[in-house]
């Protein structure tokens, strides 16, 4: 007839949790491929030139933009300047549309 008993707090030995540190998670880090690596792999392996073995991607791979064309210089945006530029273009387009309707 073993009856479980809830222990009193005085009986429970206090643990110093402040000195215990959780182990960091172990995550496998995969290397991110560069555009150059992807371009080289795309041109070298015929497997990348078809999708699901049925769709031919050769035409697409011929017209993909090279890495040099995709690189852009970092430019800071000024809200006032950008807003003025966009609103000016919109007003110009609106005025052209209005003059074409009048003609």
N, C-alpha and C. Protein backbone atom coordinates (compact mmCIF):
# COMPACT_ATOMS: atom_id res chain seq x y z
N UNK A 1 0.84 -1.17 0.00
CA UNK A 1 0.00 0.00 0.00
C UNK A 1 0.89 1.24 0.00
N UNK A 2 1.63 1.44 -1.09
CA UNK A 2 2.46 2.63 -1.20
C UNK A 2 1.60 3.79 -1.67
N UNK A 3 1.53 4.83 -0.88
CA UNK A 3 0.76 6.01 -1.21
C UNK A 3 1.76 7.13 -1.50
N UNK A 4 1.67 7.72 -2.73
CA UNK A 4 2.62 8.79 -3.03
C UNK A 4 2.36 9.99 -2.13
N UNK A 5 3.45 10.60 -1.70
CA UNK A 5 3.37 11.74 -0.79
C UNK A 5 4.02 12.94 -1.47
N UNK A 6 3.37 14.08 -1.37
CA UNK A 6 3.94 15.31 -1.91
C UNK A 6 4.92 15.84 -0.87
N UNK A 7 6.18 16.06 -1.26
CA UNK A 7 7.16 16.49 -0.27
C UNK A 7 6.95 17.95 0.11
N UNK A 8 7.32 18.28 1.33
CA UNK A 8 7.28 19.67 1.79
C UNK A 8 8.42 20.44 1.15
N UNK A 9 8.24 21.76 1.03
CA UNK A 9 9.26 22.58 0.42
C UNK A 9 10.56 22.56 1.22
N UNK A 10 10.47 22.43 2.52
CA UNK A 10 11.68 22.39 3.33
C UNK A 10 12.49 21.14 3.03
N UNK A 11 11.81 20.09 2.64
CA UNK A 11 12.50 18.83 2.37
C UNK A 11 13.18 18.83 1.01
N UNK A 12 12.71 19.64 0.09
CA UNK A 12 13.26 19.67 -1.25
C UNK A 12 14.57 20.45 -1.22
N UNK A 13 15.60 19.87 -1.74
CA UNK A 13 16.89 20.53 -1.76
C UNK A 13 16.86 21.61 -2.83
N UNK A 14 17.23 22.85 -2.46
CA UNK A 14 17.21 23.95 -3.42
C UNK A 14 18.38 23.81 -4.38
N UNK A 15 18.10 24.04 -5.65
CA UNK A 15 19.13 23.99 -6.67
C UNK A 15 19.49 25.40 -7.08
N UNK A 16 20.75 25.64 -7.28
CA UNK A 16 21.20 26.95 -7.72
C UNK A 16 21.17 26.97 -9.24
N UNK A 17 20.06 27.45 -9.81
CA UNK A 17 19.90 27.47 -11.26
C UNK A 17 20.67 28.61 -11.92
N UNK A 18 21.11 29.57 -11.14
CA UNK A 18 21.83 30.70 -11.71
C UNK A 18 23.17 30.28 -12.28
N UNK A 19 23.75 29.22 -11.76
CA UNK A 19 25.07 28.79 -12.22
C UNK A 19 24.98 27.76 -13.35
N UNK A 20 23.78 27.30 -13.66
CA UNK A 20 23.63 26.32 -14.72
C UNK A 20 23.38 27.03 -16.04
N UNK A 21 24.04 26.56 -17.09
CA UNK A 21 23.91 27.16 -18.41
C UNK A 21 23.39 26.09 -19.37
N UNK A 22 22.40 26.47 -20.15
CA UNK A 22 21.85 25.53 -21.13
C UNK A 22 22.84 25.34 -22.27
N UNK A 23 22.89 24.15 -22.78
CA UNK A 23 23.78 23.86 -23.91
C UNK A 23 23.22 24.52 -25.16
N UNK A 24 24.08 25.12 -25.98
CA UNK A 24 23.58 25.76 -27.21
C UNK A 24 23.09 24.71 -28.19
N UNK A 25 22.11 25.07 -29.01
CA UNK A 25 21.61 24.11 -30.00
C UNK A 25 22.68 23.87 -31.07
N UNK A 26 22.70 22.67 -31.54
CA UNK A 26 23.65 22.36 -32.61
C UNK A 26 22.91 22.40 -33.94
N UNK A 27 23.34 23.30 -34.78
CA UNK A 27 22.70 23.49 -36.08
C UNK A 27 23.76 23.34 -37.16
N UNK A 28 23.44 22.58 -38.18
CA UNK A 28 24.36 22.42 -39.28
C UNK A 28 24.22 23.62 -40.21
N UNK A 29 25.32 24.31 -40.45
CA UNK A 29 25.31 25.50 -41.29
C UNK A 29 25.75 25.09 -42.69
N UNK A 30 24.89 25.38 -43.65
CA UNK A 30 25.22 25.09 -45.04
C UNK A 30 25.80 26.34 -45.68
N UNK A 31 26.77 26.16 -46.53
CA UNK A 31 27.40 27.28 -47.22
C UNK A 31 26.44 27.81 -48.27
N UNK A 32 26.29 29.13 -48.31
CA UNK A 32 25.42 29.77 -49.29
C UNK A 32 26.22 29.96 -50.57
N UNK A 33 25.67 29.52 -51.67
CA UNK A 33 26.36 29.62 -52.95
C UNK A 33 26.32 31.05 -53.48
N UNK A 34 27.39 31.45 -54.12
CA UNK A 34 27.44 32.77 -54.74
C UNK A 34 26.81 32.69 -56.12
N UNK A 35 26.55 33.87 -56.71
CA UNK A 35 26.01 33.90 -58.07
C UNK A 35 26.97 33.21 -59.04
N UNK A 36 28.26 33.41 -58.83
CA UNK A 36 29.25 32.81 -59.72
C UNK A 36 29.16 31.28 -59.66
N UNK A 37 29.06 30.73 -58.45
CA UNK A 37 28.93 29.28 -58.30
C UNK A 37 27.66 28.77 -58.96
N UNK A 38 26.56 29.49 -58.77
CA UNK A 38 25.30 29.06 -59.37
C UNK A 38 25.35 29.11 -60.89
N UNK A 39 25.96 30.18 -61.44
CA UNK A 39 26.09 30.29 -62.89
C UNK A 39 26.93 29.14 -63.44
N UNK A 40 28.03 28.84 -62.76
CA UNK A 40 28.92 27.78 -63.21
C UNK A 40 28.21 26.43 -63.17
N UNK A 41 27.48 26.17 -62.07
CA UNK A 41 26.74 24.91 -61.96
C UNK A 41 25.65 24.82 -63.01
N UNK A 42 24.99 25.93 -63.28
CA UNK A 42 23.89 25.93 -64.24
C UNK A 42 24.38 25.58 -65.64
N UNK A 43 25.53 26.11 -66.00
CA UNK A 43 26.04 25.87 -67.34
C UNK A 43 26.73 24.50 -67.46
N UNK A 44 27.25 23.99 -66.37
CA UNK A 44 28.01 22.73 -66.42
C UNK A 44 27.13 21.49 -66.35
N UNK A 45 26.01 21.57 -65.70
CA UNK A 45 25.20 20.38 -65.48
C UNK A 45 23.94 20.43 -66.33
N UNK A 46 23.75 19.42 -67.14
CA UNK A 46 22.57 19.35 -68.00
C UNK A 46 21.30 19.14 -67.18
N UNK A 47 21.45 18.64 -65.95
CA UNK A 47 20.28 18.40 -65.11
C UNK A 47 19.56 19.70 -64.77
N UNK A 48 20.31 20.82 -64.72
CA UNK A 48 19.69 22.10 -64.42
C UNK A 48 19.00 22.71 -65.64
N UNK A 49 19.18 22.12 -66.80
CA UNK A 49 18.60 22.69 -68.00
C UNK A 49 17.26 22.07 -68.35
N UNK A 50 16.77 21.17 -67.51
CA UNK A 50 15.42 20.63 -67.67
C UNK A 50 14.74 20.63 -66.31
N UNK A 51 13.45 20.81 -66.32
CA UNK A 51 12.67 20.82 -65.09
C UNK A 51 11.79 19.58 -65.08
N UNK A 52 11.93 18.78 -64.05
CA UNK A 52 11.19 17.52 -63.92
C UNK A 52 11.43 16.59 -65.10
N UNK A 53 12.54 16.76 -65.79
CA UNK A 53 12.85 15.90 -66.91
C UNK A 53 12.00 16.14 -68.14
N UNK A 54 11.09 17.12 -68.09
CA UNK A 54 10.17 17.36 -69.19
C UNK A 54 10.29 18.76 -69.78
N UNK A 55 10.43 19.77 -68.96
CA UNK A 55 10.43 21.16 -69.42
C UNK A 55 11.87 21.57 -69.73
N UNK A 56 12.10 22.01 -70.95
CA UNK A 56 13.43 22.42 -71.40
C UNK A 56 13.69 23.86 -70.99
N UNK A 57 14.72 24.07 -70.19
CA UNK A 57 15.06 25.41 -69.70
C UNK A 57 16.25 26.02 -70.42
N UNK A 58 16.68 25.44 -71.52
CA UNK A 58 17.87 25.93 -72.22
C UNK A 58 17.68 27.36 -72.72
N UNK A 59 16.50 27.68 -73.22
CA UNK A 59 16.26 29.05 -73.69
C UNK A 59 16.33 30.04 -72.54
N UNK A 60 15.81 29.66 -71.38
CA UNK A 60 15.86 30.53 -70.22
C UNK A 60 17.29 30.74 -69.75
N UNK A 61 18.09 29.67 -69.72
CA UNK A 61 19.46 29.81 -69.23
C UNK A 61 20.31 30.66 -70.16
N UNK A 62 19.94 30.76 -71.42
CA UNK A 62 20.72 31.58 -72.36
C UNK A 62 20.50 33.07 -72.13
N UNK A 63 19.35 33.47 -71.62
CA UNK A 63 19.03 34.89 -71.47
C UNK A 63 19.08 35.38 -70.02
N UNK A 64 19.56 34.54 -69.11
CA UNK A 64 19.67 34.99 -67.72
C UNK A 64 20.71 36.09 -67.63
N UNK A 65 20.45 37.07 -66.79
CA UNK A 65 21.37 38.20 -66.63
C UNK A 65 22.61 37.75 -65.85
N UNK A 66 23.78 38.17 -66.29
CA UNK A 66 24.99 37.82 -65.54
C UNK A 66 25.06 38.58 -64.22
N UNK A 67 25.92 38.11 -63.33
CA UNK A 67 26.03 38.68 -61.99
C UNK A 67 26.39 40.16 -62.03
N UNK A 68 27.22 40.56 -62.97
CA UNK A 68 27.67 41.95 -63.04
C UNK A 68 26.50 42.91 -63.27
N UNK A 69 25.49 42.47 -64.01
CA UNK A 69 24.33 43.32 -64.28
C UNK A 69 23.39 43.41 -63.08
N UNK A 70 23.49 42.45 -62.18
CA UNK A 70 22.59 42.43 -61.03
C UNK A 70 23.13 43.23 -59.85
N UNK A 71 24.43 43.49 -59.84
CA UNK A 71 25.03 44.24 -58.75
C UNK A 71 24.68 45.72 -58.87
N UNK A 72 24.23 46.31 -57.77
CA UNK A 72 23.90 47.72 -57.74
C UNK A 72 24.65 48.39 -56.61
N UNK A 73 25.01 49.64 -56.82
CA UNK A 73 25.65 50.40 -55.75
C UNK A 73 24.63 50.74 -54.69
N UNK A 74 25.06 50.73 -53.44
CA UNK A 74 24.18 51.13 -52.35
C UNK A 74 23.96 52.63 -52.42
N UNK A 75 22.71 53.02 -52.41
CA UNK A 75 22.38 54.44 -52.45
C UNK A 75 21.40 54.74 -51.32
N UNK A 76 21.67 55.79 -50.59
CA UNK A 76 20.75 56.15 -49.52
C UNK A 76 19.55 56.89 -50.11
N UNK A 77 18.40 56.65 -49.53
CA UNK A 77 17.17 57.26 -50.00
C UNK A 77 16.79 58.38 -49.06
N UNK A 78 16.47 59.51 -49.64
CA UNK A 78 15.96 60.64 -48.88
C UNK A 78 14.47 60.73 -49.18
N UNK A 79 13.64 60.64 -48.14
CA UNK A 79 12.19 60.57 -48.34
C UNK A 79 11.68 61.78 -49.11
N UNK A 80 12.10 62.97 -48.75
CA UNK A 80 11.59 64.18 -49.40
C UNK A 80 11.96 64.20 -50.87
N UNK A 81 13.19 63.85 -51.18
CA UNK A 81 13.65 63.84 -52.57
C UNK A 81 12.90 62.78 -53.38
N UNK A 82 12.77 61.59 -52.82
CA UNK A 82 12.08 60.49 -53.50
C UNK A 82 10.61 60.83 -53.73
N UNK A 83 9.94 61.39 -52.72
CA UNK A 83 8.53 61.76 -52.85
C UNK A 83 8.36 62.83 -53.93
N UNK A 84 9.24 63.82 -53.94
CA UNK A 84 9.16 64.89 -54.95
C UNK A 84 9.36 64.33 -56.35
N UNK A 85 10.32 63.43 -56.50
CA UNK A 85 10.61 62.84 -57.81
C UNK A 85 9.43 62.02 -58.32
N UNK A 86 8.87 61.17 -57.47
CA UNK A 86 7.75 60.32 -57.89
C UNK A 86 6.51 61.16 -58.17
N UNK A 87 6.21 62.13 -57.32
CA UNK A 87 5.02 62.94 -57.56
C UNK A 87 5.17 63.78 -58.82
N UNK A 88 6.38 64.24 -59.11
CA UNK A 88 6.61 65.01 -60.33
C UNK A 88 6.37 64.14 -61.57
N UNK A 89 6.85 62.89 -61.53
CA UNK A 89 6.62 61.98 -62.66
C UNK A 89 5.14 61.68 -62.83
N UNK A 90 4.42 61.50 -61.73
CA UNK A 90 2.99 61.22 -61.81
C UNK A 90 2.22 62.41 -62.38
N UNK A 91 2.57 63.61 -61.97
CA UNK A 91 1.91 64.81 -62.48
C UNK A 91 2.19 64.96 -63.97
N UNK A 92 3.42 64.69 -64.40
CA UNK A 92 3.77 64.78 -65.81
C UNK A 92 2.97 63.77 -66.63
N UNK A 93 2.87 62.53 -66.15
CA UNK A 93 2.08 61.52 -66.85
C UNK A 93 0.61 61.91 -66.89
N UNK A 94 0.09 62.46 -65.81
CA UNK A 94 -1.31 62.85 -65.76
C UNK A 94 -1.57 63.98 -66.76
N UNK A 95 -0.66 64.96 -66.83
CA UNK A 95 -0.83 66.07 -67.77
C UNK A 95 -0.76 65.59 -69.21
N UNK A 96 0.13 64.62 -69.51
CA UNK A 96 0.19 64.06 -70.86
C UNK A 96 -1.10 63.33 -71.21
N UNK A 97 -1.65 62.63 -70.24
CA UNK A 97 -2.91 61.91 -70.47
C UNK A 97 -4.05 62.89 -70.70
N UNK A 98 -4.07 63.99 -69.98
CA UNK A 98 -5.11 65.00 -70.14
C UNK A 98 -5.00 65.69 -71.53
N UNK A 99 -3.77 65.97 -71.95
CA UNK A 99 -3.60 66.64 -73.26
C UNK A 99 -3.97 65.70 -74.41
N UNK A 100 -3.70 64.39 -74.25
CA UNK A 100 -4.09 63.42 -75.29
C UNK A 100 -5.60 63.28 -75.36
N UNK A 101 -6.28 63.36 -74.24
CA UNK A 101 -7.75 63.26 -74.23
C UNK A 101 -8.38 64.49 -74.90
N UNK A 102 -7.76 65.66 -74.70
CA UNK A 102 -8.29 66.88 -75.30
C UNK A 102 -8.13 66.88 -76.81
N UNK A 103 -7.09 66.21 -77.28
CA UNK A 103 -6.85 66.18 -78.75
C UNK A 103 -7.78 65.21 -79.38
